[in-house]
């Protein structure tokens, strides 16, 4: 999506980075055959989503209604 501002916010970046760390932790413990470590990584992945939503609620995400795709005004000449 060229020209899109989707995901370019501190809330999105923070949530994705935390989830990625959890994914790496979970993957490492899966290879080491440690179910407890795997599930700990999955908890970190879920925590990334919670942190991202909390930051968005705190005003660090993209405001609603500002996404270019949601602009339904007709183009000039139509």
Protein backbone atom coordinates (compact mmCIF):
# COMPACT_ATOMS: atom_id res chain seq x y z
CA UNK A 1 0.00 0.00 0.00
CA UNK A 2 2.05 2.86 -1.28
CA UNK A 3 1.28 6.17 0.34
CA UNK A 4 -0.32 4.54 3.36
CA UNK A 5 0.47 5.59 6.91
CA UNK A 6 -0.72 2.24 8.27
CA UNK A 7 1.42 1.10 11.18
CA UNK A 8 3.76 4.08 11.35
CA UNK A 9 3.05 4.91 14.99
CA UNK A 10 4.89 4.31 18.27
CA UNK A 11 2.07 2.02 19.41
CA UNK A 12 2.33 -0.18 16.31
CA UNK A 13 6.12 -0.38 16.38
CA UNK A 14 6.27 -1.18 20.09
CA UNK A 15 3.59 -3.86 19.87
CA UNK A 16 5.26 -5.54 16.90
CA UNK A 17 8.73 -5.45 18.47
CA UNK A 18 7.47 -7.03 21.71
CA UNK A 19 5.54 -9.67 19.75
CA UNK A 20 8.62 -10.42 17.63
CA UNK A 21 10.73 -10.92 20.75
CA UNK A 22 8.08 -13.29 22.08
CA UNK A 23 8.08 -15.17 18.78
CA UNK A 24 11.86 -15.57 18.98
CA UNK A 25 11.70 -16.75 22.60
CA UNK A 26 8.92 -19.19 21.77
CA UNK A 27 10.77 -20.54 18.75
CA UNK A 28 14.00 -21.02 20.66
CA UNK A 29 12.28 -22.94 23.45
CA UNK A 30 10.36 -25.03 20.92
CA UNK A 31 13.66 -26.17 19.41
CA UNK A 32 14.97 -26.92 22.93
CA UNK A 33 11.80 -28.98 23.61
CA UNK A 34 10.77 -26.88 26.61
CA UNK A 35 6.99 -26.44 26.75
CA UNK A 36 7.16 -23.97 29.65
CA UNK A 37 9.54 -21.70 27.74
CA UNK A 38 7.41 -22.00 24.61
CA UNK A 39 4.29 -20.86 26.45
CA UNK A 40 6.25 -18.07 28.15
CA UNK A 41 7.15 -16.82 24.66
CA UNK A 42 3.50 -17.00 23.64
CA UNK A 43 2.59 -14.90 26.67
CA UNK A 44 5.13 -12.31 25.52
CA UNK A 45 3.51 -12.33 22.05
CA UNK A 46 0.10 -11.64 23.62
CA UNK A 47 1.67 -8.96 25.81
CA UNK A 48 2.83 -7.19 22.64
CA UNK A 49 -0.78 -6.90 21.52
CA UNK A 50 -1.92 -5.63 24.89
CA UNK A 51 0.86 -3.04 25.06
CA UNK A 52 0.10 -1.88 21.51
CA UNK A 53 -3.60 -1.43 22.31
CA UNK A 54 -2.83 0.35 25.58
CA UNK A 55 -0.48 2.75 23.80
CA UNK A 56 -3.11 3.39 21.14
CA UNK A 57 -5.66 4.14 23.87
CA UNK A 58 -3.12 6.55 25.40
CA UNK A 59 -3.02 8.50 22.14
CA UNK A 60 0.17 7.10 20.62
CA UNK A 61 -1.58 5.29 17.77
CA UNK A 62 -3.14 6.47 14.56
CA UNK A 63 -6.30 8.52 15.14
CA UNK A 64 -9.53 6.99 13.84
CA UNK A 65 -10.75 8.23 10.51
CA UNK A 66 -7.36 9.47 9.25
CA UNK A 67 -6.47 6.44 7.14
CA UNK A 68 -6.34 7.32 3.40
CA UNK A 69 -8.31 4.19 2.46
CA UNK A 70 -11.29 5.43 4.48
CA UNK A 71 -11.52 8.63 2.44
CA UNK A 72 -14.50 7.96 0.15
CA UNK A 73 -14.69 11.36 -1.55
CA UNK A 74 -15.01 11.00 -5.33
CA UNK A 75 -12.03 11.88 -7.49
CA UNK A 76 -12.11 15.07 -9.58
CA UNK A 77 -13.93 14.68 -12.87
CA UNK A 78 -16.33 11.94 -11.77
